């Protein structure tokens, strides 16, 4: 086994970024992972993608998977069901927001989101509104790598060469502190989108209750959620939430959407349900969505081979049992605010940092040009990428995002530890991260001194 990082010219794997050398990670325990050379890293990103919410090496979840695999690992759910799928659906409805009554299982987050869109469309067709297909969503978002999920974001940098294949959905700008702190501008943009499409043609508004990668730990103001709920009531479209990251406890609630002033009609979730031990997602619907099919065609047969498989559902049940018995949602809810405060204090005095925001164990750090405290940093400085590199050199795994082409977001970092992280480990994560940011900030401030003050965009 190679002990040095793997480069694209010496592997048969097709990597995401061919210019990046990939360390070979061979084992994990709790919030620590170890590479083939024996170096250990603190995992502040729950496996790198916010999926390993319970940490690595959970023997109880591994045992549940082994036991089920010995009984029945797979059976197709088109004409058959299995007790694990039935039980997991019951458990999810028990912790879902009020009014949710049915669950369709999927393999992962992207196909959960696609199924949510399909269900929204089906809801209207079953009710006789066949012209309703258009989806409106915030532009600054990430929902997945499939054609439909790419179309849900308005970020041209993510569309790449796939534009000709993408449905032409409508997008509104985010109501961030820089552009729209009240939410009124986003509501005005929503009104223009509804008018342009014709509200009778709009199937759904699709968004994140609390954003993950695209705008870490950001949620629109209360005014926006209230206005969205009012427009749903007036025009009859559905509200769908992407809770692939935030579902199953990440923000201190079982589902983040329950804390908004606009409870959704459909929720797509995934990562926290399998906690990194199995690929599983789910779409939860309110009773009126289910009833549209039950009173209509009585058919919704789309799905994937592994949807609701016993092995994955056994893992999901073990995850929910661990989260419940160890009171991890409560732990995240109670510890999250102080974790955000600790992160903010550690970054105090670094002019590069505009704010540290957080919802439970989903935290975001936003960077600005220190010369004026508001502008985006020049893209060519690669500030976010350099912070990740500096953190990794200090044995810390983080994830940061670069400025977007549309000008809605600048350099930002995510901080999303496993729910089981000890206070000592949280403190060590914060310390290493602050040291990395401070180190990069010193270099960046020196580089900025040679650039025009207008190097960043507003």
Protein backbone atom coordinates (compact mmCIF):
# COMPACT_ATOMS: atom_id res chain seq x y z
CA UNK A 1 0.00 0.00 0.00
CA UNK A 2 1.34 3.41 -0.99
CA UNK A 3 2.30 5.61 1.97
CA UNK A 4 2.71 8.75 -0.10
CA UNK A 5 -0.26 10.70 -1.54
CA UNK A 6 -1.65 9.25 -4.77
CA UNK A 7 -1.37 11.41 -7.89
CA UNK A 8 -3.63 11.06 -10.92
CA UNK A 9 -0.87 9.71 -13.18
CA UNK A 10 -0.31 6.66 -10.97
CA UNK A 11 -3.81 5.38 -10.22
CA UNK A 12 -6.65 3.74 -12.11
CA UNK A 13 -9.12 5.79 -10.08
CA UNK A 14 -10.64 8.78 -11.88
CA UNK A 15 -10.20 11.49 -9.20
CA UNK A 16 -12.27 14.64 -8.78
CA UNK A 17 -9.27 16.92 -9.29
CA UNK A 18 -6.42 15.54 -11.34
CA UNK A 19 -3.95 18.16 -10.13
CA UNK A 20 -4.42 17.23 -6.46
CA UNK A 21 -2.36 14.57 -4.71
CA UNK A 22 -4.65 12.46 -2.49
CA UNK A 23 -3.49 11.17 0.91
CA UNK A 24 -4.34 7.50 1.44
CA UNK A 25 -6.57 7.21 4.52
CA UNK A 26 -6.61 3.69 5.95
CA UNK A 27 -8.47 3.83 9.27
CA UNK A 28 -10.59 6.00 11.52
CA UNK A 29 -11.63 6.09 15.16
CA UNK A 30 -13.98 8.68 16.60
CA UNK A 31 -13.06 12.03 15.05
CA UNK A 32 -9.56 10.93 14.06
CA UNK A 33 -8.42 9.38 10.78
CA UNK A 34 -5.02 7.97 9.93
CA UNK A 35 -3.19 7.80 6.61
CA UNK A 36 -1.00 5.00 5.27
CA UNK A 37 2.12 6.69 6.62
CA UNK A 38 0.69 6.68 10.15
CA UNK A 39 -0.10 10.40 10.39
CA UNK A 40 -3.31 11.20 12.26
CA UNK A 41 -5.76 14.01 11.38
CA UNK A 42 -8.58 15.61 13.32
CA UNK A 43 -11.71 15.37 11.20
CA UNK A 44 -13.63 18.64 11.59
CA UNK A 45 -15.83 17.81 8.60
CA UNK A 46 -17.48 14.51 9.63
CA UNK A 47 -15.73 12.42 7.02
CA UNK A 48 -15.07 15.38 4.72
CA UNK A 49 -18.64 15.68 3.44
CA UNK A 50 -20.57 16.10 6.73
CA UNK A 51 -21.83 12.50 6.50
CA UNK A 52 -19.98 10.77 9.36
CA UNK A 53 -22.11 12.44 12.02
CA UNK A 54 -21.34 9.82 14.68
CA UNK A 55 -17.63 9.57 14.00
CA UNK A 56 -15.62 6.62 12.71
CA UNK A 57 -15.47 3.05 13.99
CA UNK A 58 -18.87 2.74 15.74
CA UNK A 59 -19.02 -0.92 16.71
CA UNK A 60 -22.76 -0.83 17.42
CA UNK A 61 -23.60 0.32 13.91
CA UNK A 62 -21.12 -2.08 12.34
CA UNK A 63 -22.67 -4.94 14.35
CA UNK A 64 -26.18 -3.98 13.20
CA UNK A 65 -25.04 -4.06 9.58
CA UNK A 66 -23.30 -7.41 10.02
CA UNK A 67 -26.30 -9.00 11.72
CA UNK A 68 -28.68 -7.85 8.99
CA UNK A 69 -26.30 -8.87 6.19
CA UNK A 70 -26.33 -12.41 7.57
CA UNK A 71 -30.16 -12.46 7.46
CA UNK A 72 -31.07 -10.53 4.32
CA UNK A 73 -28.95 -7.83 2.73
CA UNK A 74 -31.09 -7.00 -0.28
CA UNK A 75 -34.59 -7.36 -1.66
CA UNK A 76 -36.20 -5.13 -4.25
CA UNK A 77 -39.04 -2.92 -3.02
CA UNK A 78 -41.25 -2.72 -6.12
CA UNK A 79 -43.42 -5.68 -5.14
CA UNK A 80 -41.86 -6.59 -1.80
CA UNK A 81 -41.15 -4.78 1.43
CA UNK A 82 -39.06 -5.72 4.45
CA UNK A 83 -39.39 -5.10 8.21
CA UNK A 84 -36.34 -2.83 8.35
CA UNK A 85 -37.79 -0.44 5.77
CA UNK A 86 -41.14 -0.41 7.57
CA UNK A 87 -39.56 0.19 10.98
CA UNK A 88 -37.22 2.94 9.75
CA UNK A 89 -40.12 4.78 8.10
CA UNK A 90 -42.00 4.69 11.41
CA UNK A 91 -38.98 6.04 13.28
CA UNK A 92 -38.43 8.89 10.82
CA UNK A 93 -42.06 9.99 10.93
CA UNK A 94 -41.85 10.01 14.72
CA UNK A 95 -39.14 12.71 14.64
CA UNK A 96 -40.31 14.58 11.52
CA UNK A 97 -42.13 17.92 11.70
CA UNK A 98 -45.86 17.71 12.39
CA UNK A 99 -47.97 16.69 9.41
CA UNK A 100 -45.41 14.41 7.73
CA UNK A 101 -46.78 10.93 7.24
CA UNK A 102 -44.89 9.00 4.52
CA UNK A 103 -41.31 8.15 3.57
CA UNK A 104 -39.74 7.00 0.30
CA UNK A 105 -36.21 5.70 0.68
CA UNK A 106 -33.41 6.44 -1.78
CA UNK A 107 -29.73 5.60 -2.11
CA UNK A 108 -28.25 9.06 -1.53
CA UNK A 109 -28.88 12.78 -1.32
CA UNK A 110 -28.94 13.70 -4.99
CA UNK A 111 -31.55 11.10 -5.90
CA UNK A 112 -33.58 12.08 -2.82
CA UNK A 113 -33.69 15.62 -4.20
CA UNK A 114 -34.60 14.38 -7.67
CA UNK A 115 -37.39 12.30 -6.15
CA UNK A 116 -38.64 15.32 -4.21
CA UNK A 117 -38.93 17.25 -7.49
CA UNK A 118 -40.68 14.29 -9.10
CA UNK A 119 -43.11 14.05 -6.21
CA UNK A 120 -43.87 17.77 -6.36
CA UNK A 121 -44.63 17.47 -10.07
CA UNK A 122 -46.70 14.34 -9.47
CA UNK A 123 -48.72 16.11 -6.77
CA UNK A 124 -49.89 18.75 -9.23
CA UNK A 125 -50.50 16.34 -12.13
CA UNK A 126 -52.59 14.08 -9.89
CA UNK A 127 -54.69 17.13 -8.98
CA UNK A 128 -55.19 18.07 -12.63
CA UNK A 129 -52.64 20.93 -12.76
CA UNK A 130 -50.54 19.47 -15.57
CA UNK A 131 -48.96 22.82 -16.48
CA UNK A 132 -47.16 23.10 -13.14
CA UNK A 133 -43.56 22.06 -13.70
CA UNK A 134 -41.40 25.14 -13.12
CA UNK A 135 -39.16 25.20 -10.03
CA UNK A 136 -37.84 28.35 -8.35
CA UNK A 137 -34.79 28.13 -6.10
CA UNK A 138 -32.06 30.32 -4.57
CA UNK A 139 -29.14 30.78 -6.95
CA UNK A 140 -26.41 30.38 -4.34
CA UNK A 141 -26.78 26.71 -3.46
CA UNK A 142 -25.45 23.21 -4.04
CA UNK A 143 -27.84 20.28 -4.31
CA UNK A 144 -25.81 17.55 -6.03
CA UNK A 145 -24.06 16.42 -9.23
CA UNK A 146 -26.95 15.08 -11.33
CA UNK A 147 -28.50 17.08 -14.16
CA UNK A 148 -31.62 17.98 -12.18
CA UNK A 149 -29.75 18.88 -9.01
CA UNK A 150 -27.28 20.99 -10.97
CA UNK A 151 -30.22 22.82 -12.56
CA UNK A 152 -31.52 23.71 -9.09
CA UNK A 153 -28.50 25.93 -8.47
CA UNK A 154 -27.98 29.19 -10.31
CA UNK A 155 -24.20 29.00 -10.04
CA UNK A 156 -22.82 28.97 -13.60
CA UNK A 157 -19.46 27.69 -12.40
CA UNK A 158 -21.09 24.42 -11.37
CA UNK A 159 -22.97 23.97 -14.63
CA UNK A 160 -19.77 23.68 -16.64
CA UNK A 161 -20.37 22.16 -20.09
CA UNK A 162 -23.71 20.61 -19.08
CA UNK A 163 -25.91 23.63 -19.70
CA UNK A 164 -27.64 22.14 -22.78
CA UNK A 165 -28.88 19.22 -20.67
CA UNK A 166 -30.20 21.20 -17.69
CA UNK A 167 -33.86 22.11 -17.13
CA UNK A 168 -34.32 25.87 -17.20
CA UNK A 169 -35.37 26.54 -13.63
CA UNK A 170 -35.70 30.04 -12.17
CA UNK A 171 -33.46 31.44 -9.45
CA UNK A 172 -33.48 34.26 -6.92
CA UNK A 173 -30.45 35.85 -5.21
CA UNK A 174 -29.65 35.06 -1.56
CA UNK A 175 -30.64 37.55 1.12
CA UNK A 176 -27.24 37.79 2.83
CA UNK A 177 -25.87 40.59 5.04
CA UNK A 178 -24.11 42.08 2.04
CA UNK A 179 -27.02 42.20 -0.41
CA UNK A 180 -30.33 41.78 1.41
CA UNK A 181 -30.25 41.62 5.23
CA UNK A 182 -34.04 41.93 5.61
CA UNK A 183 -35.16 39.34 3.05
CA UNK A 184 -37.34 41.88 1.23
CA UNK A 185 -35.20 41.88 -1.92
CA UNK A 186 -35.37 38.07 -2.13
CA UNK A 187 -39.15 38.19 -1.79
CA UNK A 188 -39.32 40.82 -4.53
CA UNK A 189 -37.19 38.57 -6.74
CA UNK A 190 -39.51 35.66 -5.95
CA UNK A 191 -42.49 37.76 -6.99
CA UNK A 192 -40.80 38.62 -10.29
CA UNK A 193 -40.02 34.93 -10.90
CA UNK A 194 -43.62 33.95 -10.16
CA UNK A 195 -44.93 36.63 -12.45
CA UNK A 196 -42.50 35.71 -15.23
CA UNK A 197 -43.31 32.00 -15.11
CA UNK A 198 -46.97 32.49 -14.32
CA UNK A 199 -47.78 31.27 -10.79
CA UNK A 200 -50.13 28.68 -12.25
CA UNK A 201 -47.07 27.05 -13.88
CA UNK A 202 -44.89 26.85 -10.74
CA UNK A 203 -44.61 23.44 -9.10
CA UNK A 204 -42.28 24.13 -6.19
CA UNK A 205 -39.92 26.42 -4.40
CA UNK A 206 -36.83 24.38 -3.55
CA UNK A 207 -34.24 25.52 -0.99
CA UNK A 208 -32.15 24.69 2.05
CA UNK A 209 -33.57 25.61 5.45
CA UNK A 210 -29.99 26.25 6.53
CA UNK A 211 -27.32 26.22 3.84
CA UNK A 212 -24.32 23.92 3.93
CA UNK A 213 -21.50 24.13 1.39
CA UNK A 214 -22.63 27.09 -0.71
CA UNK A 215 -23.33 29.54 2.16
CA UNK A 216 -22.14 27.74 5.32
CA UNK A 217 -24.63 27.97 8.22
CA UNK A 218 -26.66 30.72 6.55
CA UNK A 219 -30.45 30.96 6.74
CA UNK A 220 -32.66 33.71 5.30
CA UNK A 221 -34.28 36.23 7.69
CA UNK A 222 -37.65 35.50 9.30
CA UNK A 223 -39.30 37.97 6.92
CA UNK A 224 -38.39 35.79 3.95
CA UNK A 225 -39.80 32.59 5.45
CA UNK A 226 -43.03 34.32 6.40
CA UNK A 227 -43.34 35.77 2.91
CA UNK A 228 -42.63 32.39 1.31
CA UNK A 229 -45.35 30.72 3.41
CA UNK A 230 -47.83 33.42 2.43
CA UNK A 231 -47.06 33.02 -1.29
CA UNK A 232 -47.38 29.24 -1.07
CA UNK A 233 -50.84 29.68 0.41
CA UNK A 234 -51.81 32.22 -2.24
CA UNK A 235 -50.40 30.51 -5.35
CA UNK A 236 -50.51 26.79 -4.50
CA UNK A 237 -46.93 25.69 -5.18
CA UNK A 238 -45.14 23.31 -2.81
CA UNK A 239 -42.11 24.11 -0.65
CA UNK A 240 -39.35 21.50 -0.75
CA UNK A 241 -36.34 21.49 1.58
CA UNK A 242 -32.92 20.05 0.85
CA UNK A 243 -31.96 18.60 4.25
CA UNK A 244 -29.33 16.23 2.92
CA UNK A 245 -26.86 17.79 5.36
CA UNK A 246 -29.11 19.29 8.03
CA UNK A 247 -31.44 16.32 8.58
CA UNK A 248 -31.05 13.98 11.58
CA UNK A 249 -29.57 16.43 14.04
CA UNK A 250 -26.87 18.53 12.38
CA UNK A 251 -28.37 21.89 13.40
CA UNK A 252 -29.66 20.88 16.84
CA UNK A 253 -33.07 19.79 15.55
CA UNK A 254 -34.03 16.48 14.01
CA UNK A 255 -34.87 18.51 10.91
CA UNK A 256 -33.85 22.12 10.42
CA UNK A 257 -37.07 22.94 8.57
CA UNK A 258 -39.10 22.52 11.73
CA UNK A 259 -37.52 25.70 13.11
CA UNK A 260 -38.47 27.93 10.17
CA UNK A 261 -41.66 29.97 9.76
CA UNK A 262 -42.45 27.93 6.65
CA UNK A 263 -42.74 24.21 7.37
CA UNK A 264 -42.07 22.43 4.05
CA UNK A 265 -44.31 20.03 2.16
CA UNK A 266 -41.44 17.71 1.16
CA UNK A 267 -38.05 17.06 2.80
CA UNK A 268 -35.09 15.32 1.14
CA UNK A 269 -32.45 14.00 3.54
CA UNK A 270 -29.52 11.58 3.42
CA UNK A 271 -26.09 12.03 4.99
CA UNK A 272 -26.98 11.87 8.69
CA UNK A 273 -29.33 8.94 8.16
CA UNK A 274 -26.48 6.60 7.25
CA UNK A 275 -23.85 8.51 9.28
CA UNK A 276 -21.17 7.40 6.83
CA UNK A 277 -21.81 3.67 7.41
CA UNK A 278 -24.25 3.08 4.52
CA UNK A 279 -25.52 4.92 1.47
CA UNK A 280 -29.13 5.79 2.25
CA UNK A 281 -31.43 8.75 1.72
CA UNK A 282 -35.10 9.48 2.26
CA UNK A 283 -37.88 11.73 1.04
CA UNK A 284 -40.48 12.66 3.64
CA UNK A 285 -43.86 14.06 2.56
CA UNK A 286 -46.80 15.63 4.31
CA UNK A 287 -50.11 13.80 4.20
CA UNK A 288 -51.67 16.01 1.51
CA UNK A 289 -48.83 15.14 -0.90
CA UNK A 290 -49.36 11.43 -0.32
CA UNK A 291 -53.13 11.81 -0.59
CA UNK A 292 -52.85 13.34 -4.06
CA UNK A 293 -51.49 10.01 -5.29
CA UNK A 294 -53.70 7.87 -3.05
CA UNK A 295 -56.83 9.55 -4.45
CA UNK A 296 -55.50 9.66 -8.00
CA UNK A 297 -53.49 7.14 -10.00
CA UNK A 298 -52.29 5.28 -6.89
CA UNK A 299 -48.90 4.82 -8.56
CA UNK A 300 -45.46 6.35 -8.09
CA UNK A 301 -43.10 3.63 -9.26
CA UNK A 302 -39.88 5.53 -9.91
CA UNK A 303 -36.86 4.56 -7.84
CA UNK A 304 -33.45 2.91 -7.75
CA UNK A 305 -32.37 -0.67 -7.24
CA UNK A 306 -31.14 -0.22 -3.68
CA UNK A 307 -33.98 1.98 -2.36
CA UNK A 308 -35.14 0.68 1.04
CA UNK A 309 -32.73 -2.25 1.08
CA UNK A 310 -32.68 -4.12 4.42
CA UNK A 311 -28.94 -3.64 4.99
CA UNK A 312 -29.02 0.14 4.56
CA UNK A 313 -32.20 0.44 6.63
CA UNK A 314 -30.61 -1.59 9.44
CA UNK A 315 -27.82 0.98 9.53
CA UNK A 316 -30.36 3.81 9.52
CA UNK A 317 -32.16 2.27 12.50
CA UNK A 318 -28.90 1.84 14.41
CA UNK A 319 -28.01 5.46 13.69
CA UNK A 320 -31.36 6.77 14.93
CA UNK A 321 -31.09 4.62 18.05
CA UNK A 322 -27.62 6.01 18.81
CA UNK A 323 -28.72 9.59 18.21
CA UNK A 324 -31.75 9.12 20.44
CA UNK A 325 -30.18 7.09 23.27
CA UNK A 326 -27.11 9.31 23.52
CA UNK A 327 -29.25 12.47 23.27
CA UNK A 328 -27.04 13.78 20.48
CA UNK A 329 -29.61 16.17 19.01
CA UNK A 330 -29.82 17.79 22.43
CA UNK A 331 -26.03 17.78 22.71
CA UNK A 332 -25.67 19.58 19.39
CA UNK A 333 -28.45 22.04 20.29
CA UNK A 334 -26.90 22.88 23.66
CA UNK A 335 -23.23 22.86 22.68
CA UNK A 336 -23.56 24.54 19.28
CA UNK A 337 -23.89 28.16 20.48
CA UNK A 338 -20.84 27.97 22.74
CA UNK A 339 -18.86 26.25 19.98
CA UNK A 340 -19.69 29.15 17.68
CA UNK A 341 -18.61 31.60 20.38
CA UNK A 342 -15.32 29.74 20.88
CA UNK A 343 -14.67 29.82 17.15
CA UNK A 344 -15.45 33.54 17.01
CA UNK A 345 -13.13 34.31 19.94
CA UNK A 346 -10.31 32.28 18.43
CA UNK A 347 -10.58 34.27 15.19
CA UNK A 348 -10.88 37.68 16.87
CA UNK A 349 -8.28 40.13 15.68
CA UNK A 350 -7.89 38.59 12.22
CA UNK A 351 -9.09 41.33 9.82
CA UNK A 352 -9.64 38.73 7.10
CA UNK A 353 -12.57 37.26 9.08
CA UNK A 354 -15.94 38.99 8.75
CA UNK A 355 -17.96 36.62 10.91
CA UNK A 356 -18.30 33.14 12.35
CA UNK A 357 -21.92 31.97 12.22
CA UNK A 358 -23.43 28.73 13.33
CA UNK A 359 -26.50 26.55 13.68
CA UNK A 360 -25.74 23.58 15.94
CA UNK A 361 -22.70 21.76 14.58
CA UNK A 362 -22.94 23.44 11.18
CA UNK A 363 -20.70 26.51 11.33
CA UNK A 364 -19.37 28.89 8.70
CA UNK A 365 -16.59 31.43 8.59
CA UNK A 366 -16.78 34.20 5.99
CA UNK A 367 -13.74 36.14 4.80
CA UNK A 368 -13.54 39.67 3.40
CA UNK A 369 -10.94 42.02 2.02
CA UNK A 370 -9.41 43.52 5.20
CA UNK A 371 -8.76 46.81 3.43
CA UNK A 372 -12.44 47.77 3.64
CA UNK A 373 -14.02 44.95 5.67
CA UNK A 374 -16.82 44.24 3.16
CA UNK A 375 -15.50 43.44 -0.33
CA UNK A 376 -14.83 39.95 -1.60
CA UNK A 377 -11.19 38.94 -1.67
CA UNK A 378 -9.53 38.76 -5.09
CA UNK A 379 -10.24 35.34 -6.52
CA UNK A 380 -6.68 34.84 -7.72
CA UNK A 381 -5.40 34.78 -4.13
CA UNK A 382 -7.15 31.41 -3.53
CA UNK A 383 -7.69 32.31 0.12
CA UNK A 384 -10.18 29.56 0.96
CA UNK A 385 -8.08 26.86 -0.70
CA UNK A 386 -4.98 28.06 1.11
CA UNK A 387 -6.78 27.89 4.45
CA UNK A 388 -7.71 24.25 3.80
CA UNK A 389 -4.11 23.51 2.87
CA UNK A 390 -2.78 25.23 5.99
CA UNK A 391 -5.28 23.36 8.17
CA UNK A 392 -4.28 20.03 6.63
CA UNK A 393 -0.62 20.79 7.33
CA UNK A 394 -1.69 21.17 10.98
CA UNK A 395 -3.46 17.80 10.95
CA UNK A 396 -6.98 19.19 10.57
CA UNK A 397 -9.52 18.31 7.85
CA UNK A 398 -11.72 21.24 6.80
CA UNK A 399 -13.67 22.31 3.71
CA UNK A 400 -13.73 25.79 2.22
CA UNK A 401 -15.38 27.34 -0.82
CA UNK A 402 -14.04 29.76 -3.40
CA UNK A 403 -15.77 32.95 -4.65
CA UNK A 404 -18.58 32.33 -7.14
CA UNK A 405 -18.74 33.75 -10.65
CA UNK A 406 -22.13 35.33 -10.08
CA UNK A 407 -20.77 37.46 -7.24
CA UNK A 408 -23.17 36.16 -4.57
CA UNK A 409 -20.52 34.64 -2.29
CA UNK A 410 -16.83 34.95 -1.51
CA UNK A 411 -14.26 32.82 0.32
CA UNK A 412 -15.80 30.83 3.17
CA UNK A 413 -14.98 27.85 5.38
CA UNK A 414 -17.17 25.10 6.77
CA UNK A 415 -16.77 23.65 10.25
CA UNK A 416 -18.95 20.57 10.82
CA UNK A 417 -17.65 18.11 13.44
CA UNK A 418 -19.26 14.82 14.38
CA UNK A 419 -21.91 15.00 17.09
CA UNK A 420 -19.81 12.71 19.30
CA UNK A 421 -16.76 15.01 19.37
CA UNK A 422 -15.56 15.63 22.93
CA UNK A 423 -15.13 19.14 24.33
CA UNK A 424 -11.37 18.62 24.32
CA UNK A 425 -11.42 17.60 20.65
CA UNK A 426 -13.65 20.55 19.75
CA UNK A 427 -11.19 22.88 21.44
CA UNK A 428 -8.28 21.34 19.54
CA UNK A 429 -10.18 21.70 16.23
CA UNK A 430 -10.86 25.38 16.92
CA UNK A 431 -7.25 26.01 17.93
CA UNK A 432 -5.74 24.36 14.86
CA UNK A 433 -8.23 26.09 12.56
CA UNK A 434 -7.60 29.54 14.02
CA UNK A 435 -3.86 28.99 13.70
CA UNK A 436 -4.28 28.07 10.03
CA UNK A 437 -6.49 31.11 9.30
CA UNK A 438 -4.09 33.44 11.11
CA UNK A 439 -1.13 32.08 9.19
CA UNK A 440 -2.82 32.53 5.80
CA UNK A 441 -4.16 35.97 6.79
CA UNK A 442 -0.67 37.30 7.43
CA UNK A 443 0.49 36.27 3.97
CA UNK A 444 -2.68 37.53 2.29
CA UNK A 445 -2.52 40.96 3.93
CA UNK A 446 1.04 41.37 2.66
CA UNK A 447 -0.03 40.34 -0.85
CA UNK A 448 -3.01 42.70 -0.78
CA UNK A 449 -0.74 45.65 -0.01
CA UNK A 450 0.56 45.41 -3.56
CA UNK A 451 -2.88 45.31 -5.19
CA UNK A 452 -5.42 48.00 -6.04
CA UNK A 453 -8.04 48.54 -3.29
CA UNK A 454 -10.67 47.49 -5.82
CA UNK A 455 -9.13 44.05 -6.29
CA UNK A 456 -12.22 42.39 -4.83
CA UNK A 457 -15.81 42.74 -5.99
CA UNK A 458 -18.73 43.92 -3.89
